[in-house]
């Protein structure tokens, strides 16, 4: 989870990722952020985030992203 938080903080240092739970729903992250984030996560965690994973529920919070990463690593 620490690696994820580092990636998020590097991407958007202005966002409180520890407490924000509506990153997509509230428009905190835009499509450019998501594209950059997906590339970073794929490389860092050796996973493949597919289009069907690109739903707000998977990206609304750091906790949700971590759950998705763990699930993809188990595949």
PDB file of N, CA and C in Angstrom:
ATOM      1  N   UNK A   1       0.830  -1.198   0.000  1.00  0.00           N
ATOM      2  CA  UNK A   1       0.000   0.000   0.000  1.00  0.00           C
ATOM      3  C   UNK A   1       0.874   1.262   0.000  1.00  0.00           C
ATOM      4  N   UNK A   2       2.064   1.187   0.617  1.00  0.00           N
ATOM      5  CA  UNK A   2       2.955   2.350   0.650  1.00  0.00           C
ATOM      6  C   UNK A   2       3.370   2.777  -0.756  1.00  0.00           C
ATOM      7  N   UNK A   3       3.635   1.782  -1.618  1.00  0.00           N
ATOM      8  CA  UNK A   3       4.034   2.103  -2.987  1.00  0.00           C
ATOM      9  C   UNK A   3       2.911   2.837  -3.708  1.00  0.00           C
ATOM     10  N   UNK A   4       1.678   2.374  -3.496  1.00  0.00           N
ATOM     11  CA  UNK A   4       0.518   3.012  -4.111  1.00  0.00           C
ATOM     12  C   UNK A   4       0.393   4.454  -3.635  1.00  0.00           C
ATOM     13  N   UNK A   5       0.515   4.680  -2.342  1.00  0.00           N
ATOM     14  CA  UNK A   5       0.389   6.037  -1.800  1.00  0.00           C
ATOM     15  C   UNK A   5       1.473   6.945  -2.384  1.00  0.00           C
ATOM     16  N   UNK A   6       2.673   6.417  -2.557  1.00  0.00           N
ATOM     17  CA  UNK A   6       3.767   7.211  -3.146  1.00  0.00           C
ATOM     18  C   UNK A   6       3.438   7.609  -4.581  1.00  0.00           C
ATOM     19  N   UNK A   7       2.922   6.653  -5.361  1.00  0.00           N
ATOM     20  CA  UNK A   7       2.544   6.937  -6.750  1.00  0.00           C
ATOM     21  C   UNK A   7       1.460   8.009  -6.785  1.00  0.00           C
ATOM     22  N   UNK A   8       0.447   7.858  -5.930  1.00  0.00           N
ATOM     23  CA  UNK A   8      -0.657   8.823  -5.901  1.00  0.00           C
ATOM     24  C   UNK A   8      -0.176  10.211  -5.501  1.00  0.00           C
ATOM     25  N   UNK A   9       0.673  10.267  -4.490  1.00  0.00           N
ATOM     26  CA  UNK A   9       1.174  11.561  -4.027  1.00  0.00           C
ATOM     27  C   UNK A   9       2.063  12.227  -5.076  1.00  0.00           C
ATOM     28  N   UNK A  10       2.824  11.429  -5.828  1.00  0.00           N
ATOM     29  CA  UNK A  10       3.636  11.992  -6.909  1.00  0.00           C
ATOM     30  C   UNK A  10       2.760  12.510  -8.042  1.00  0.00           C
ATOM     31  N   UNK A  11       1.660  11.798  -8.296  1.00  0.00           N
ATOM     32  CA  UNK A  11       0.747  12.176  -9.368  1.00  0.00           C
ATOM     33  C   UNK A  11       0.023  13.478  -9.038  1.00  0.00           C
ATOM     34  N   UNK A  12      -0.520  13.546  -7.837  1.00  0.00           N
ATOM     35  CA  UNK A  12      -1.311  14.718  -7.418  1.00  0.00           C
ATOM     36  C   UNK A  12      -1.014  15.061  -5.967  1.00  0.00           C
ATOM     37  N   UNK A  13       0.068  15.799  -5.709  1.00  0.00           N
ATOM     38  CA  UNK A  13       0.452  16.126  -4.323  1.00  0.00           C
ATOM     39  C   UNK A  13      -0.588  16.958  -3.583  1.00  0.00           C
ATOM     40  N   UNK A  14      -1.509  17.568  -4.317  1.00  0.00           N
ATOM     41  CA  UNK A  14      -2.525  18.435  -3.713  1.00  0.00           C
ATOM     42  C   UNK A  14      -3.718  17.671  -3.141  1.00  0.00           C
ATOM     43  N   UNK A  15      -3.781  16.367  -3.343  1.00  0.00           N
ATOM     44  CA  UNK A  15      -4.956  15.585  -2.941  1.00  0.00           C
ATOM     45  C   UNK A  15      -4.670  14.786  -1.669  1.00  0.00           C
ATOM     46  N   UNK A  16      -5.659  14.735  -0.772  1.00  0.00           N
ATOM     47  CA  UNK A  16      -5.554  13.951   0.466  1.00  0.00           C
ATOM     48  C   UNK A  16      -6.043  12.526   0.200  1.00  0.00           C
ATOM     49  N   UNK A  17      -5.148  11.701  -0.337  1.00  0.00           N
ATOM     50  CA  UNK A  17      -5.532  10.341  -0.727  1.00  0.00           C
ATOM     51  C   UNK A  17      -5.868   9.454   0.465  1.00  0.00           C
ATOM     52  N   UNK A  18      -5.371   9.794   1.641  1.00  0.00           N
ATOM     53  CA  UNK A  18      -5.658   8.967   2.819  1.00  0.00           C
ATOM     54  C   UNK A  18      -7.124   9.043   3.207  1.00  0.00           C
ATOM     55  N   UNK A  19      -7.755  10.182   2.948  1.00  0.00           N
ATOM     56  CA  UNK A  19      -9.127  10.384   3.416  1.00  0.00           C
ATOM     57  C   UNK A  19     -10.168  10.533   2.319  1.00  0.00           C
ATOM     58  N   UNK A  20      -9.747  10.804   1.097  1.00  0.00           N
ATOM     59  CA  UNK A  20     -10.699  11.022   0.004  1.00  0.00           C
ATOM     60  C   UNK A  20     -11.282   9.687  -0.457  1.00  0.00           C
ATOM     61  N   UNK A  21     -12.621   9.629  -0.536  1.00  0.00           N
ATOM     62  CA  UNK A  21     -13.287   8.384  -0.935  1.00  0.00           C
ATOM     63  C   UNK A  21     -14.161   8.559  -2.176  1.00  0.00           C
ATOM     64  N   UNK A  22     -14.050   9.707  -2.840  1.00  0.00           N
ATOM     65  CA  UNK A  22     -14.841   9.949  -4.049  1.00  0.00           C
ATOM     66  C   UNK A  22     -13.970  10.646  -5.104  1.00  0.00           C
ATOM     67  N   UNK A  23     -12.796  10.079  -5.346  1.00  0.00           N
ATOM     68  CA  UNK A  23     -11.826  10.684  -6.263  1.00  0.00           C
ATOM     69  C   UNK A  23     -12.396  10.860  -7.670  1.00  0.00           C
ATOM     70  N   UNK A  24     -13.159   9.885  -8.127  1.00  0.00           N
ATOM     71  CA  UNK A  24     -13.743   9.946  -9.462  1.00  0.00           C
ATOM     72  C   UNK A  24     -15.093  10.653  -9.406  1.00  0.00           C
ATOM     73  N   UNK A  25     -15.940  10.214  -8.485  1.00  0.00           N
ATOM     74  CA  UNK A  25     -17.294  10.749  -8.365  1.00  0.00           C
ATOM     75  C   UNK A  25     -17.283  12.263  -8.199  1.00  0.00           C
ATOM     76  N   UNK A  26     -16.342  12.781  -7.422  1.00  0.00           N
ATOM     77  CA  UNK A  26     -16.259  14.229  -7.182  1.00  0.00           C
ATOM     78  C   UNK A  26     -15.341  14.944  -8.169  1.00  0.00           C
ATOM     79  N   UNK A  27     -14.805  14.212  -9.142  1.00  0.00           N
ATOM     80  CA  UNK A  27     -13.975  14.834 -10.161  1.00  0.00           C
ATOM     81  C   UNK A  27     -12.604  15.281  -9.679  1.00  0.00           C
ATOM     82  N   UNK A  28     -12.130  14.691  -8.588  1.00  0.00           N
ATOM     83  CA  UNK A  28     -10.801  15.041  -8.076  1.00  0.00           C
ATOM     84  C   UNK A  28      -9.729  14.589  -9.071  1.00  0.00           C
ATOM     85  N   UNK A  29      -9.881  13.383  -9.587  1.00  0.00           N
ATOM     86  CA  UNK A  29      -8.985  12.876 -10.625  1.00  0.00           C
ATOM     87  C   UNK A  29      -9.689  12.965 -11.968  1.00  0.00           C
ATOM     88  N   UNK A  30      -8.985  13.464 -12.989  1.00  0.00           N
ATOM     89  CA  UNK A  30      -9.580  13.523 -14.321  1.00  0.00           C
ATOM     90  C   UNK A  30      -9.051  12.372 -15.184  1.00  0.00           C
ATOM     91  N   UNK A  31      -9.509  12.331 -16.409  1.00  0.00           N
ATOM     92  CA  UNK A  31      -9.141  11.205 -17.278  1.00  0.00           C
ATOM     93  C   UNK A  31      -7.635  11.146 -17.523  1.00  0.00           C
ATOM     94  N   UNK A  32      -6.969  12.304 -17.594  1.00  0.00           N
ATOM     95  CA  UNK A  32      -5.517  12.305 -17.785  1.00  0.00           C
ATOM     96  C   UNK A  32      -4.813  11.690 -16.573  1.00  0.00           C
ATOM     97  N   UNK A  33      -5.321  12.009 -15.373  1.00  0.00           N
ATOM     98  CA  UNK A  33      -4.754  11.422 -14.153  1.00  0.00           C
ATOM     99  C   UNK A  33      -4.900   9.906 -14.179  1.00  0.00           C
ATOM    100  N   UNK A  34      -6.066   9.437 -14.593  1.00  0.00           N
ATOM    101  CA  UNK A  34      -6.334   7.994 -14.606  1.00  0.00           C
ATOM    102  C   UNK A  34      -5.423   7.283 -15.606  1.00  0.00           C
ATOM    103  N   UNK A  35      -5.262   7.868 -16.787  1.00  0.00           N
ATOM    104  CA  UNK A  35      -4.376   7.254 -17.799  1.00  0.00           C
ATOM    105  C   UNK A  35      -2.954   7.136 -17.245  1.00  0.00           C
ATOM    106  N   UNK A  36      -2.459   8.205 -16.641  1.00  0.00           N
ATOM    107  CA  UNK A  36      -1.112   8.176 -16.067  1.00  0.00           C
ATOM    108  C   UNK A  36      -1.028   7.161 -14.936  1.00  0.00           C
ATOM    109  N   UNK A  37      -2.059   7.140 -14.108  1.00  0.00           N
ATOM    110  CA  UNK A  37      -2.098   6.243 -12.958  1.00  0.00           C
ATOM    111  C   UNK A  37      -2.121   4.780 -13.391  1.00  0.00           C
ATOM    112  N   UNK A  38      -2.935   4.450 -14.377  1.00  0.00           N
ATOM    113  CA  UNK A  38      -3.017   3.068 -14.863  1.00  0.00           C
ATOM    114  C   UNK A  38      -1.656   2.596 -15.356  1.00  0.00           C
ATOM    115  N   UNK A  39      -0.960   3.435 -16.116  1.00  0.00           N
ATOM    116  CA  UNK A  39       0.372   3.070 -16.601  1.00  0.00           C
ATOM    117  C   UNK A  39       1.335   2.813 -15.459  1.00  0.00           C
ATOM    118  N   UNK A  40       1.318   3.692 -14.479  1.00  0.00           N
ATOM    119  CA  UNK A  40       2.209   3.540 -13.308  1.00  0.00           C
ATOM    120  C   UNK A  40       1.886   2.262 -12.541  1.00  0.00           C
ATOM    121  N   UNK A  41       0.600   2.015 -12.309  1.00  0.00           N
ATOM    122  CA  UNK A  41       0.206   0.835 -11.524  1.00  0.00           C
ATOM    123  C   UNK A  41       0.553  -0.450 -12.263  1.00  0.00           C
ATOM    124  N   UNK A  42       0.308  -0.472 -13.573  1.00  0.00           N
ATOM    125  CA  UNK A  42       0.658  -1.658 -14.371  1.00  0.00           C
ATOM    126  C   UNK A  42       2.142  -1.971 -14.248  1.00  0.00           C
ATOM    127  N   UNK A  43       2.980  -0.948 -14.351  1.00  0.00           N
ATOM    128  CA  UNK A  43       4.434  -1.148 -14.289  1.00  0.00           C
ATOM    129  C   UNK A  43       4.888  -1.516 -12.880  1.00  0.00           C
ATOM    130  N   UNK A  44       4.442  -0.754 -11.893  1.00  0.00           N
ATOM    131  CA  UNK A  44       4.906  -0.930 -10.512  1.00  0.00           C
ATOM    132  C   UNK A  44       4.506  -2.287  -9.932  1.00  0.00           C
ATOM    133  N   UNK A  45       3.275  -2.720 -10.221  1.00  0.00           N
ATOM    134  CA  UNK A  45       2.753  -3.933  -9.574  1.00  0.00           C
ATOM    135  C   UNK A  45       2.684  -5.127 -10.512  1.00  0.00           C
ATOM    136  N   UNK A  46       3.207  -4.973 -11.739  1.00  0.00           N
ATOM    137  CA  UNK A  46       3.221  -6.057 -12.718  1.00  0.00           C
ATOM    138  C   UNK A  46       1.829  -6.652 -12.905  1.00  0.00           C
ATOM    139  N   UNK A  47       0.873  -5.757 -13.171  1.00  0.00           N
ATOM    140  CA  UNK A  47      -0.515  -6.170 -13.405  1.00  0.00           C
ATOM    141  C   UNK A  47      -0.959  -5.594 -14.735  1.00  0.00           C
ATOM    142  N   UNK A  48      -2.142  -6.001 -15.182  1.00  0.00           N
ATOM    143  CA  UNK A  48      -2.744  -5.423 -16.377  1.00  0.00           C
ATOM    144  C   UNK A  48      -4.142  -4.957 -16.025  1.00  0.00           C
ATOM    145  N   UNK A  49      -4.282  -3.635 -15.903  1.00  0.00           N
ATOM    146  CA  UNK A  49      -5.596  -3.059 -15.647  1.00  0.00           C
ATOM    147  C   UNK A  49      -6.314  -2.977 -16.987  1.00  0.00           C
ATOM    148  N   UNK A  50      -7.385  -3.733 -17.117  1.00  0.00           N
ATOM    149  CA  UNK A  50      -8.129  -3.818 -18.370  1.00  0.00           C
ATOM    150  C   UNK A  50      -9.277  -2.803 -18.370  1.00  0.00           C
ATOM    151  N   UNK A  51      -9.853  -2.549 -19.558  1.00  0.00           N
ATOM    152  CA  UNK A  51     -10.966  -1.589 -19.620  1.00  0.00           C
ATOM    153  C   UNK A  51     -12.106  -1.888 -18.647  1.00  0.00           C
ATOM    154  N   UNK A  52     -12.399  -3.167 -18.428  1.00  0.00           N
ATOM    155  CA  UNK A  52     -13.501  -3.487 -17.510  1.00  0.00           C
ATOM    156  C   UNK A  52     -13.159  -3.180 -16.052  1.00  0.00           C
ATOM    157  N   UNK A  53     -11.886  -2.920 -15.754  1.00  0.00           N
ATOM    158  CA  UNK A  53     -11.485  -2.500 -14.405  1.00  0.00           C
ATOM    159  C   UNK A  53     -11.628  -0.991 -14.214  1.00  0.00           C
ATOM    160  N   UNK A  54     -11.793  -0.266 -15.312  1.00  0.00           N
ATOM    161  CA  UNK A  54     -11.830   1.194 -15.256  1.00  0.00           C
ATOM    162  C   UNK A  54     -13.221   1.697 -14.883  1.00  0.00           C
ATOM    163  N   UNK A  55     -13.625   1.381 -13.664  1.00  0.00           N
ATOM    164  CA  UNK A  55     -14.914   1.837 -13.148  1.00  0.00           C
ATOM    165  C   UNK A  55     -14.664   2.696 -11.908  1.00  0.00           C
ATOM    166  N   UNK A  56     -15.535   3.655 -11.655  1.00  0.00           N
ATOM    167  CA  UNK A  56     -15.310   4.553 -10.507  1.00  0.00           C
ATOM    168  C   UNK A  56     -15.077   3.822  -9.194  1.00  0.00           C
ATOM    169  N   UNK A  57     -15.767   2.719  -8.980  1.00  0.00           N
ATOM    170  CA  UNK A  57     -15.620   1.977  -7.722  1.00  0.00           C
ATOM    171  C   UNK A  57     -14.183   1.548  -7.467  1.00  0.00           C
ATOM    172  N   UNK A  58     -13.417   1.289  -8.523  1.00  0.00           N
ATOM    173  CA  UNK A  58     -12.028   0.847  -8.359  1.00  0.00           C
ATOM    174  C   UNK A  58     -11.057   2.001  -8.149  1.00  0.00           C
ATOM    175  N   UNK A  59     -11.496   3.233  -8.413  1.00  0.00           N
ATOM    176  CA  UNK A  59     -10.575   4.368  -8.359  1.00  0.00           C
ATOM    177  C   UNK A  59     -11.038   5.501  -7.446  1.00  0.00           C
ATOM    178  N   UNK A  60     -12.144   5.324  -6.728  1.00  0.00           N
ATOM    179  CA  UNK A  60     -12.659   6.392  -5.870  1.00  0.00           C
ATOM    180  C   UNK A  60     -11.806   6.628  -4.629  1.00  0.00           C
ATOM    181  N   UNK A  61     -11.014   5.625  -4.235  1.00  0.00           N
ATOM    182  CA  UNK A  61     -10.168   5.789  -3.048  1.00  0.00           C
ATOM    183  C   UNK A  61      -8.907   4.953  -3.195  1.00  0.00           C
ATOM    184  N   UNK A  62      -7.898   5.316  -2.411  1.00  0.00           N
ATOM    185  CA  UNK A  62      -6.657   4.545  -2.415  1.00  0.00           C
ATOM    186  C   UNK A  62      -6.936   3.112  -1.965  1.00  0.00           C
ATOM    187  N   UNK A  63      -7.829   2.950  -0.999  1.00  0.00           N
ATOM    188  CA  UNK A  63      -8.176   1.614  -0.497  1.00  0.00           C
ATOM    189  C   UNK A  63      -8.794   0.758  -1.615  1.00  0.00           C
ATOM    190  N   UNK A  64      -9.680   1.362  -2.401  1.00  0.00           N
ATOM    191  CA  UNK A  64     -10.313   0.634  -3.512  1.00  0.00           C
ATOM    192  C   UNK A  64      -9.282   0.254  -4.567  1.00  0.00           C
ATOM    193  N   UNK A  65      -8.352   1.180  -4.849  1.00  0.00           N
ATOM    194  CA  UNK A  65      -7.303   0.874  -5.828  1.00  0.00           C
ATOM    195  C   UNK A  65      -6.434  -0.273  -5.339  1.00  0.00           C
ATOM    196  N   UNK A  66      -6.112  -0.270  -4.052  1.00  0.00           N
ATOM    197  CA  UNK A  66      -5.275  -1.322  -3.495  1.00  0.00           C
ATOM    198  C   UNK A  66      -5.984  -2.673  -3.595  1.00  0.00           C
ATOM    199  N   UNK A  67      -7.290  -2.693  -3.336  1.00  0.00           N
ATOM    200  CA  UNK A  67      -8.062  -3.944  -3.441  1.00  0.00           C
ATOM    201  C   UNK A  67      -8.032  -4.460  -4.882  1.00  0.00           C
ATOM    202  N   UNK A  68      -8.170  -3.566  -5.851  1.00  0.00           N
ATOM    203  CA  UNK A  68      -8.125  -3.956  -7.257  1.00  0.00           C
ATOM    204  C   UNK A  68      -6.736  -4.505  -7.610  1.00  0.00           C
ATOM    205  N   UNK A  69      -5.686  -3.832  -7.148  1.00  0.00           N
ATOM    206  CA  UNK A  69      -4.316  -4.281  -7.415  1.00  0.00           C
ATOM    207  C   UNK A  69      -4.101  -5.691  -6.861  1.00  0.00           C
ATOM    208  N   UNK A  70      -4.514  -5.910  -5.629  1.00  0.00           N
ATOM    209  CA  UNK A  70      -4.336  -7.243  -5.032  1.00  0.00           C
ATOM    210  C   UNK A  70      -5.098  -8.305  -5.788  1.00  0.00           C
ATOM    211  N   UNK A  71      -6.312  -7.968  -6.225  1.00  0.00           N
ATOM    212  CA  UNK A  71      -7.118  -8.915  -6.987  1.00  0.00           C
ATOM    213  C   UNK A  71      -6.441  -9.254  -8.313  1.00  0.00           C
ATOM    214  N   UNK A  72      -5.910  -8.249  -9.003  1.00  0.00           N
ATOM    215  CA  UNK A  72      -5.249  -8.476 -10.290  1.00  0.00           C
ATOM    216  C   UNK A  72      -3.933  -9.251 -10.116  1.00  0.00           C
ATOM    217  N   UNK A  73      -3.254  -9.067  -8.996  1.00  0.00           N
ATOM    218  CA  UNK A  73      -2.020  -9.804  -8.762  1.00  0.00           C
ATOM    219  C   UNK A  73      -2.298 -11.284  -8.524  1.00  0.00           C
ATOM    220  N   UNK A  74      -3.492 -11.595  -8.052  1.00  0.00           N
ATOM    221  CA  UNK A  74      -3.860 -12.987  -7.778  1.00  0.00           C
ATOM    222  C   UNK A  74      -4.276 -13.746  -9.030  1.00  0.00           C
ATOM    223  N   UNK A  75      -4.556 -13.019 -10.118  1.00  0.00           N
ATOM    224  CA  UNK A  75      -5.028 -13.678 -11.336  1.00  0.00           C
ATOM    225  C   UNK A  75      -3.941 -14.478 -12.016  1.00  0.00           C
TER     226      UNK A  75
END
